[in-house]
Each structure stands twice: as structure tokens, then as C-alpha cells.
């Protein structure tokens, strides 16, 4: 089979488009954070995020988060095709502002927890989780 100039151009454009896919996932994570915070920059601290440093299986990664005084907490996995992993809402009768779950991670990536505090401010915590077996495709 002979490669034509048109075929070479199509391959080049396809490769260029594919090279931007990981950047788009990061942009999606930033967009999810901005949508949750209304564009307000969250402060570091005020949130405790527990996740393993190394997860042997990306299909079931245990994560817990706690933010005393929070009305909502969102979990973001920056490398997943859909970065918004979970949102936890806490009413005035909630005994504690904490939650635990298992999430799927596509590979080694940063997991971010953003808490909306009762005073209207936002707090942030993050952790890089190294995944040895991926959990979701993109």
C-alpha cells in the first residue's frame, strides 16, 4: 500500500489531536473545580483527604475525606475521562462532615477534594495516587 500525501496529512492531524487529550482531562478537572467554587480559588488546608499512596488496583481505590464545617465536598480525579468522581452534601443536622467511598482511577493521578465551607469559603486538599493496574479507560 502506498501512503499518499492526503493520508500522511490525516495521520499527522490525528496524532496532533490525540496529543491534546491528556491536557483536555486536566482542563476538565479545572472546569469542574471552577463550576463547584464559582471561580473562587480554594485555600489549602481545612480538608483531610485520605487515599493510598499506591493502589494496586485502580478499580477500587479507598478514599475518605473530612472537612469540619463544610456544607459540601467534591472529589476530583484529574486523570479520569470524567474527573468529577463524587459530591457529598451535608445538611444542618449532619453529625459530621466526612465521607468514605471507593473510586475508580484510570492510572496514576492526583485526587483533589474541595470543600465548600458554611461561611462561603472553599478549602482544598490533594494527593497523588500511584495506580499499578488501571481502573477505567478513556
N, C-alpha and C. Protein backbone atom coordinates (compact mmCIF):
# COMPACT_ATOMS: atom_id res chain seq x y z
N UNK A 1 0.84 -1.18 0.00
CA UNK A 1 0.00 0.00 0.00
C UNK A 1 0.88 1.24 0.00
N UNK A 2 0.50 2.19 -0.77
CA UNK A 2 1.27 3.42 -0.92
C UNK A 2 0.64 4.53 -0.08
N UNK A 3 1.47 5.24 0.67
CA UNK A 3 0.99 6.34 1.51
C UNK A 3 0.93 7.61 0.68
N UNK A 4 -0.26 8.18 0.55
CA UNK A 4 -0.42 9.42 -0.21
C UNK A 4 -0.20 10.62 0.71
N UNK A 5 -0.07 11.75 0.09
CA UNK A 5 0.11 12.98 0.86
C UNK A 5 -1.13 13.24 1.72
N UNK A 6 -2.30 12.95 1.20
CA UNK A 6 -3.54 13.14 1.95
C UNK A 6 -3.58 12.21 3.18
N UNK A 7 -3.14 10.95 3.01
CA UNK A 7 -3.10 10.01 4.12
C UNK A 7 -2.11 10.47 5.20
N UNK A 8 -0.95 10.95 4.77
CA UNK A 8 0.06 11.43 5.71
C UNK A 8 -0.45 12.64 6.49
N UNK A 9 -1.15 13.54 5.80
CA UNK A 9 -1.71 14.71 6.47
C UNK A 9 -2.77 14.29 7.49
N UNK A 10 -3.62 13.33 7.13
CA UNK A 10 -4.66 12.85 8.04
C UNK A 10 -4.04 12.19 9.27
N UNK A 11 -3.00 11.40 9.06
CA UNK A 11 -2.31 10.76 10.19
C UNK A 11 -1.67 11.80 11.10
N UNK A 12 -1.06 12.80 10.51
CA UNK A 12 -0.43 13.86 11.30
C UNK A 12 -1.43 14.65 12.12
N UNK A 13 -2.57 14.98 11.51
CA UNK A 13 -3.61 15.70 12.24
C UNK A 13 -4.21 14.85 13.36
N UNK A 14 -4.38 13.57 13.09
CA UNK A 14 -4.91 12.66 14.11
C UNK A 14 -3.96 12.54 15.29
N UNK A 15 -2.67 12.43 15.01
CA UNK A 15 -1.67 12.34 16.08
C UNK A 15 -1.62 13.63 16.89
N UNK A 16 -1.74 14.76 16.22
CA UNK A 16 -1.75 16.04 16.92
C UNK A 16 -2.96 16.15 17.84
N UNK A 17 -4.12 15.77 17.34
CA UNK A 17 -5.34 15.81 18.15
C UNK A 17 -5.22 14.88 19.35
N UNK A 18 -4.68 13.70 19.15
CA UNK A 18 -4.54 12.73 20.24
C UNK A 18 -3.57 13.23 21.31
N UNK A 19 -2.58 14.02 20.93
CA UNK A 19 -1.61 14.51 21.90
C UNK A 19 -2.23 15.51 22.87
N UNK A 20 -3.35 16.12 22.50
CA UNK A 20 -4.01 17.08 23.38
C UNK A 20 -5.00 16.44 24.34
N UNK A 21 -5.30 15.16 24.21
CA UNK A 21 -6.29 14.51 25.06
C UNK A 21 -5.95 14.56 26.54
N UNK A 22 -4.73 14.26 26.98
CA UNK A 22 -4.44 14.37 28.41
C UNK A 22 -4.60 15.79 28.93
N UNK A 23 -4.26 16.79 28.13
CA UNK A 23 -4.42 18.17 28.55
C UNK A 23 -5.89 18.50 28.72
N UNK A 24 -6.74 17.92 27.89
CA UNK A 24 -8.17 18.16 27.99
C UNK A 24 -8.72 17.58 29.30
N UNK A 25 -8.20 16.44 29.73
CA UNK A 25 -8.65 15.86 31.00
C UNK A 25 -8.31 16.79 32.16
N UNK A 26 -7.11 17.38 32.13
CA UNK A 26 -6.73 18.33 33.17
C UNK A 26 -7.62 19.56 33.10
N UNK A 27 -7.90 20.03 31.88
CA UNK A 27 -8.79 21.18 31.73
C UNK A 27 -10.17 20.85 32.27
N UNK A 28 -10.65 19.64 32.05
CA UNK A 28 -11.96 19.26 32.57
C UNK A 28 -11.97 19.27 34.09
N UNK A 29 -10.89 18.84 34.71
CA UNK A 29 -10.79 18.88 36.17
C UNK A 29 -10.84 20.33 36.65
N UNK A 30 -10.10 21.20 35.99
CA UNK A 30 -10.12 22.62 36.37
C UNK A 30 -11.50 23.23 36.16
N UNK A 31 -12.19 22.82 35.09
CA UNK A 31 -13.54 23.31 34.84
C UNK A 31 -14.51 22.82 35.93
N UNK A 32 -14.36 21.56 36.36
CA UNK A 32 -15.23 21.02 37.40
C UNK A 32 -15.01 21.76 38.72
N UNK A 33 -13.77 22.07 39.03
CA UNK A 33 -13.46 22.82 40.25
C UNK A 33 -14.04 24.23 40.16
N UNK A 34 -13.85 24.88 39.02
CA UNK A 34 -14.38 26.24 38.85
C UNK A 34 -15.90 26.26 38.93
N UNK A 35 -16.56 25.24 38.39
CA UNK A 35 -18.02 25.17 38.46
C UNK A 35 -18.48 25.00 39.91
N UNK A 36 -17.75 24.22 40.69
CA UNK A 36 -18.12 23.98 42.08
C UNK A 36 -17.87 25.22 42.95
N UNK A 37 -16.75 25.90 42.70
CA UNK A 37 -16.37 27.04 43.54
C UNK A 37 -16.88 28.37 43.00
N UNK A 38 -17.45 28.38 41.80
CA UNK A 38 -17.87 29.64 41.21
C UNK A 38 -16.69 30.52 40.82
N UNK A 39 -15.54 29.89 40.60
CA UNK A 39 -14.34 30.63 40.20
C UNK A 39 -13.49 31.11 41.37
N UNK A 40 -13.95 30.89 42.60
CA UNK A 40 -13.19 31.29 43.79
C UNK A 40 -12.04 30.31 43.99
N UNK A 41 -10.85 30.83 44.26
CA UNK A 41 -9.68 29.98 44.49
C UNK A 41 -9.74 29.39 45.90
N UNK A 42 -9.77 28.04 46.01
CA UNK A 42 -9.83 27.43 47.34
C UNK A 42 -8.52 27.57 48.09
N UNK A 43 -8.62 27.72 49.41
CA UNK A 43 -7.44 27.81 50.26
C UNK A 43 -6.93 26.40 50.57
N UNK A 44 -5.63 26.26 50.71
CA UNK A 44 -5.05 24.97 51.11
C UNK A 44 -5.34 24.73 52.59
N UNK A 45 -5.67 23.49 52.91
CA UNK A 45 -5.94 23.14 54.30
C UNK A 45 -7.42 23.21 54.62
N UNK A 46 -7.78 22.72 55.79
CA UNK A 46 -9.17 22.69 56.20
C UNK A 46 -9.90 21.44 55.76
N UNK A 47 -9.24 20.63 54.94
CA UNK A 47 -9.81 19.38 54.45
C UNK A 47 -8.78 18.28 54.70
N UNK A 48 -9.23 17.15 55.19
CA UNK A 48 -8.36 15.98 55.34
C UNK A 48 -8.76 14.96 54.30
N UNK A 49 -7.84 14.63 53.41
CA UNK A 49 -8.07 13.65 52.34
C UNK A 49 -7.17 12.46 52.60
N UNK A 50 -7.77 11.29 52.76
CA UNK A 50 -7.01 10.06 52.95
C UNK A 50 -7.20 9.18 51.73
N UNK A 51 -6.08 8.83 51.11
CA UNK A 51 -6.06 7.93 49.96
C UNK A 51 -4.71 7.22 49.99
N UNK A 52 -4.65 6.01 49.46
CA UNK A 52 -3.37 5.30 49.50
C UNK A 52 -2.34 5.95 48.58
N UNK A 53 -1.09 5.85 48.97
CA UNK A 53 -0.02 6.36 48.10
C UNK A 53 0.10 5.48 46.86
N UNK A 54 -0.06 4.17 47.04
CA UNK A 54 -0.01 3.21 45.92
C UNK A 54 -1.28 2.37 45.97
N UNK A 55 -2.00 2.32 44.86
CA UNK A 55 -3.19 1.48 44.74
C UNK A 55 -2.87 0.37 43.75
N UNK A 56 -2.96 -0.86 44.20
CA UNK A 56 -2.64 -1.99 43.33
C UNK A 56 -3.68 -2.17 42.23
N UNK A 57 -4.91 -1.75 42.49
CA UNK A 57 -5.98 -1.91 41.52
C UNK A 57 -6.76 -0.61 41.43
N UNK A 58 -6.77 0.01 40.25
CA UNK A 58 -7.47 1.27 40.06
C UNK A 58 -8.97 1.16 40.08
N UNK A 59 -9.50 -0.07 40.07
CA UNK A 59 -10.96 -0.25 40.08
C UNK A 59 -11.58 0.07 41.43
N UNK A 60 -10.85 -0.12 42.51
CA UNK A 60 -11.40 0.10 43.86
C UNK A 60 -10.34 0.76 44.74
N UNK A 61 -10.27 2.07 44.67
CA UNK A 61 -9.31 2.82 45.47
C UNK A 61 -10.08 3.45 46.64
N UNK A 62 -9.76 3.06 47.88
CA UNK A 62 -10.47 3.62 49.04
C UNK A 62 -10.04 5.07 49.29
N UNK A 63 -11.03 5.93 49.48
CA UNK A 63 -10.78 7.35 49.73
C UNK A 63 -11.73 7.81 50.83
N UNK A 64 -11.21 8.60 51.76
CA UNK A 64 -12.07 9.23 52.75
C UNK A 64 -11.71 10.71 52.84
N UNK A 65 -12.70 11.50 53.18
CA UNK A 65 -12.49 12.95 53.24
C UNK A 65 -13.27 13.50 54.43
N UNK A 66 -12.70 14.52 55.07
CA UNK A 66 -13.33 15.15 56.22
C UNK A 66 -13.03 16.64 56.19
N UNK A 67 -14.07 17.44 56.42
CA UNK A 67 -13.91 18.89 56.47
C UNK A 67 -14.90 19.45 57.47
N UNK A 68 -14.52 19.60 58.73
CA UNK A 68 -15.43 20.14 59.74
C UNK A 68 -15.95 21.52 59.32
N UNK A 69 -17.27 21.67 59.37
CA UNK A 69 -17.89 22.94 58.99
C UNK A 69 -18.25 23.04 57.52
N UNK A 70 -18.05 21.98 56.76
CA UNK A 70 -18.36 22.02 55.32
C UNK A 70 -19.83 21.76 55.06
N UNK A 71 -20.35 22.35 54.00
CA UNK A 71 -21.71 22.06 53.56
C UNK A 71 -21.71 21.10 52.38
N UNK A 72 -20.57 21.01 51.67
CA UNK A 72 -20.44 20.09 50.53
C UNK A 72 -18.96 19.82 50.28
N UNK A 73 -18.68 18.63 49.78
CA UNK A 73 -17.32 18.25 49.39
C UNK A 73 -17.40 17.57 48.04
N UNK A 74 -16.50 17.93 47.13
CA UNK A 74 -16.43 17.29 45.82
C UNK A 74 -15.07 16.61 45.70
N UNK A 75 -15.06 15.41 45.11
CA UNK A 75 -13.82 14.68 44.82
C UNK A 75 -13.58 14.73 43.32
N UNK A 76 -12.35 15.07 42.94
CA UNK A 76 -11.94 15.16 41.54
C UNK A 76 -10.76 14.24 41.32
N UNK A 77 -10.80 13.44 40.26
CA UNK A 77 -9.67 12.62 39.82
C UNK A 77 -9.19 13.21 38.51
N UNK A 78 -8.06 13.91 38.53
CA UNK A 78 -7.64 14.73 37.40
C UNK A 78 -7.35 13.95 36.13
N UNK A 79 -7.00 12.68 36.23
CA UNK A 79 -6.64 11.91 35.04
C UNK A 79 -7.76 11.05 34.49
N UNK A 80 -8.92 11.04 35.11
CA UNK A 80 -10.04 10.24 34.62
C UNK A 80 -10.72 10.93 33.45
N UNK A 81 -11.34 10.14 32.56
CA UNK A 81 -12.09 10.74 31.45
C UNK A 81 -13.20 11.67 31.96
N UNK A 82 -13.85 11.30 33.06
CA UNK A 82 -14.84 12.14 33.74
C UNK A 82 -14.26 12.45 35.12
N UNK A 83 -13.64 13.62 35.31
CA UNK A 83 -12.90 13.88 36.55
C UNK A 83 -13.76 14.01 37.81
N UNK A 84 -15.00 14.43 37.69
CA UNK A 84 -15.86 14.55 38.87
C UNK A 84 -16.25 13.17 39.37
N UNK A 85 -15.70 12.74 40.49
CA UNK A 85 -15.91 11.38 40.98
C UNK A 85 -17.10 11.32 41.93
N UNK A 86 -17.21 12.25 42.87
CA UNK A 86 -18.29 12.20 43.86
C UNK A 86 -18.51 13.59 44.44
N UNK A 87 -19.75 13.83 44.85
CA UNK A 87 -20.10 15.04 45.59
C UNK A 87 -20.90 14.63 46.82
N UNK A 88 -20.49 15.13 47.96
CA UNK A 88 -21.16 14.84 49.22
C UNK A 88 -21.74 16.15 49.76
N UNK A 89 -23.03 16.15 50.07
CA UNK A 89 -23.71 17.32 50.63
C UNK A 89 -24.08 17.03 52.08
N UNK A 90 -23.89 18.04 52.94
CA UNK A 90 -24.16 17.89 54.36
C UNK A 90 -25.18 18.93 54.80
N UNK A 91 -26.25 18.48 55.40
CA UNK A 91 -27.29 19.36 55.91
C UNK A 91 -26.96 19.83 57.31
N UNK A 92 -27.81 20.69 57.86
CA UNK A 92 -27.55 21.24 59.20
C UNK A 92 -27.61 20.18 60.31
N UNK A 93 -28.26 19.05 60.06
CA UNK A 93 -28.35 18.01 61.07
C UNK A 93 -27.29 16.92 60.93
N UNK A 94 -26.36 17.11 60.02
CA UNK A 94 -25.30 16.12 59.82
C UNK A 94 -24.42 16.06 61.06
N UNK A 95 -24.17 14.85 61.55
CA UNK A 95 -23.34 14.68 62.74
C UNK A 95 -21.88 15.00 62.49
N UNK A 96 -21.42 14.74 61.28
CA UNK A 96 -20.04 15.02 60.91
C UNK A 96 -19.99 15.30 59.42
N UNK A 97 -19.03 16.08 59.02
CA UNK A 97 -18.85 16.40 57.60
C UNK A 97 -17.70 15.54 57.06
N UNK A 98 -17.99 14.25 56.95
CA UNK A 98 -16.99 13.31 56.46
C UNK A 98 -17.69 12.24 55.63
N UNK A 99 -16.92 11.63 54.75
CA UNK A 99 -17.45 10.56 53.89
C UNK A 99 -16.32 9.65 53.48
N UNK A 100 -16.66 8.40 53.18
CA UNK A 100 -15.69 7.42 52.70
C UNK A 100 -16.34 6.65 51.56
N UNK A 101 -15.54 6.34 50.55
CA UNK A 101 -16.04 5.61 49.39
C UNK A 101 -14.88 4.94 48.69
N UNK A 102 -15.18 4.21 47.64
CA UNK A 102 -14.15 3.65 46.77
C UNK A 102 -14.37 4.26 45.39
N UNK A 103 -13.26 4.66 44.74
CA UNK A 103 -13.36 5.29 43.44
C UNK A 103 -12.54 4.52 42.42
N UNK A 104 -12.82 4.79 41.15
CA UNK A 104 -12.04 4.19 40.06
C UNK A 104 -11.07 5.24 39.53
N UNK A 105 -9.83 4.82 39.33
CA UNK A 105 -8.82 5.70 38.77
C UNK A 105 -8.23 5.08 37.52
N UNK A 106 -8.14 5.87 36.46
CA UNK A 106 -7.65 5.38 35.17
C UNK A 106 -6.15 5.07 35.21
N UNK A 107 -5.43 5.66 36.12
CA UNK A 107 -3.99 5.47 36.23
C UNK A 107 -3.47 6.38 37.33
N UNK A 108 -2.15 6.48 37.42
CA UNK A 108 -1.54 7.35 38.43
C UNK A 108 -1.98 8.79 38.18
N UNK A 109 -2.49 9.45 39.21
CA UNK A 109 -3.01 10.79 39.05
C UNK A 109 -3.24 11.45 40.39
N UNK A 110 -3.58 12.72 40.33
CA UNK A 110 -3.88 13.50 41.53
C UNK A 110 -5.38 13.40 41.84
N UNK A 111 -5.68 13.16 43.10
CA UNK A 111 -7.06 13.18 43.58
C UNK A 111 -7.19 14.45 44.42
N UNK A 112 -8.22 15.23 44.14
CA UNK A 112 -8.42 16.53 44.80
C UNK A 112 -9.75 16.53 45.53
N UNK A 113 -9.77 17.05 46.74
CA UNK A 113 -11.00 17.26 47.50
C UNK A 113 -11.17 18.76 47.71
N UNK A 114 -12.33 19.28 47.33
CA UNK A 114 -12.66 20.69 47.54
C UNK A 114 -13.88 20.73 48.45
N UNK A 115 -13.81 21.48 49.54
CA UNK A 115 -14.92 21.61 50.47
C UNK A 115 -15.47 23.02 50.42
N UNK A 116 -16.80 23.11 50.34
CA UNK A 116 -17.48 24.40 50.47
C UNK A 116 -17.83 24.55 51.94
N UNK A 117 -17.30 25.59 52.55
CA UNK A 117 -17.49 25.80 53.98
C UNK A 117 -18.76 26.60 54.24
N UNK A 118 -19.27 26.50 55.46
CA UNK A 118 -20.51 27.18 55.83
C UNK A 118 -20.41 28.70 55.68
N UNK A 119 -19.20 29.25 55.82
CA UNK A 119 -19.02 30.70 55.68
C UNK A 119 -18.91 31.15 54.23
N UNK A 120 -19.03 30.21 53.27
CA UNK A 120 -18.96 30.56 51.85
C UNK A 120 -17.57 30.39 51.25
N UNK A 121 -16.57 30.15 52.05
CA UNK A 121 -15.22 29.93 51.55
C UNK A 121 -15.03 28.50 51.07
N UNK A 122 -13.87 28.23 50.49
CA UNK A 122 -13.56 26.91 49.96
C UNK A 122 -12.19 26.48 50.45
N UNK A 123 -12.07 25.19 50.74
CA UNK A 123 -10.81 24.61 51.21
C UNK A 123 -10.44 23.46 50.27
N UNK A 124 -9.15 23.16 50.21
CA UNK A 124 -8.67 22.16 49.24
C UNK A 124 -7.60 21.28 49.87
N UNK A 125 -7.61 20.01 49.44
CA UNK A 125 -6.54 19.06 49.78
C UNK A 125 -6.35 18.17 48.56
N UNK A 126 -5.13 17.67 48.37
CA UNK A 126 -4.89 16.79 47.22
C UNK A 126 -3.85 15.75 47.58
N UNK A 127 -3.85 14.70 46.78
CA UNK A 127 -2.90 13.61 46.98
C UNK A 127 -2.70 12.89 45.66
N UNK A 128 -1.46 12.55 45.34
CA UNK A 128 -1.17 11.75 44.16
C UNK A 128 -1.28 10.29 44.54
N UNK A 129 -2.04 9.53 43.75
CA UNK A 129 -2.21 8.09 43.96
C UNK A 129 -1.56 7.38 42.77
N UNK A 130 -0.59 6.53 43.07
CA UNK A 130 0.06 5.74 42.03
C UNK A 130 -0.74 4.45 41.84
N UNK A 131 -1.21 4.22 40.61
CA UNK A 131 -2.02 3.06 40.30
C UNK A 131 -1.20 2.08 39.48
N UNK A 132 -1.15 0.82 39.93
CA UNK A 132 -0.37 -0.18 39.19
C UNK A 132 -1.21 -0.89 38.13
N UNK A 133 -2.54 -1.01 38.33
CA UNK A 133 -3.45 -1.59 37.34
C UNK A 133 -4.57 -0.58 37.15
N UNK A 134 -4.76 -0.06 35.91
CA UNK A 134 -5.77 0.96 35.64
C UNK A 134 -7.18 0.49 35.89
N UNK A 135 -8.06 1.46 36.19
CA UNK A 135 -9.44 1.13 36.55
C UNK A 135 -10.47 1.50 35.51
N UNK A 136 -10.24 2.54 34.73
CA UNK A 136 -11.25 2.93 33.73
C UNK A 136 -10.53 3.48 32.51
N UNK A 137 -11.10 3.22 31.37
CA UNK A 137 -10.49 3.64 30.12
C UNK A 137 -11.01 4.99 29.67
N UNK A 138 -10.40 5.49 28.64
CA UNK A 138 -10.83 6.79 28.15
C UNK A 138 -10.93 6.76 26.74
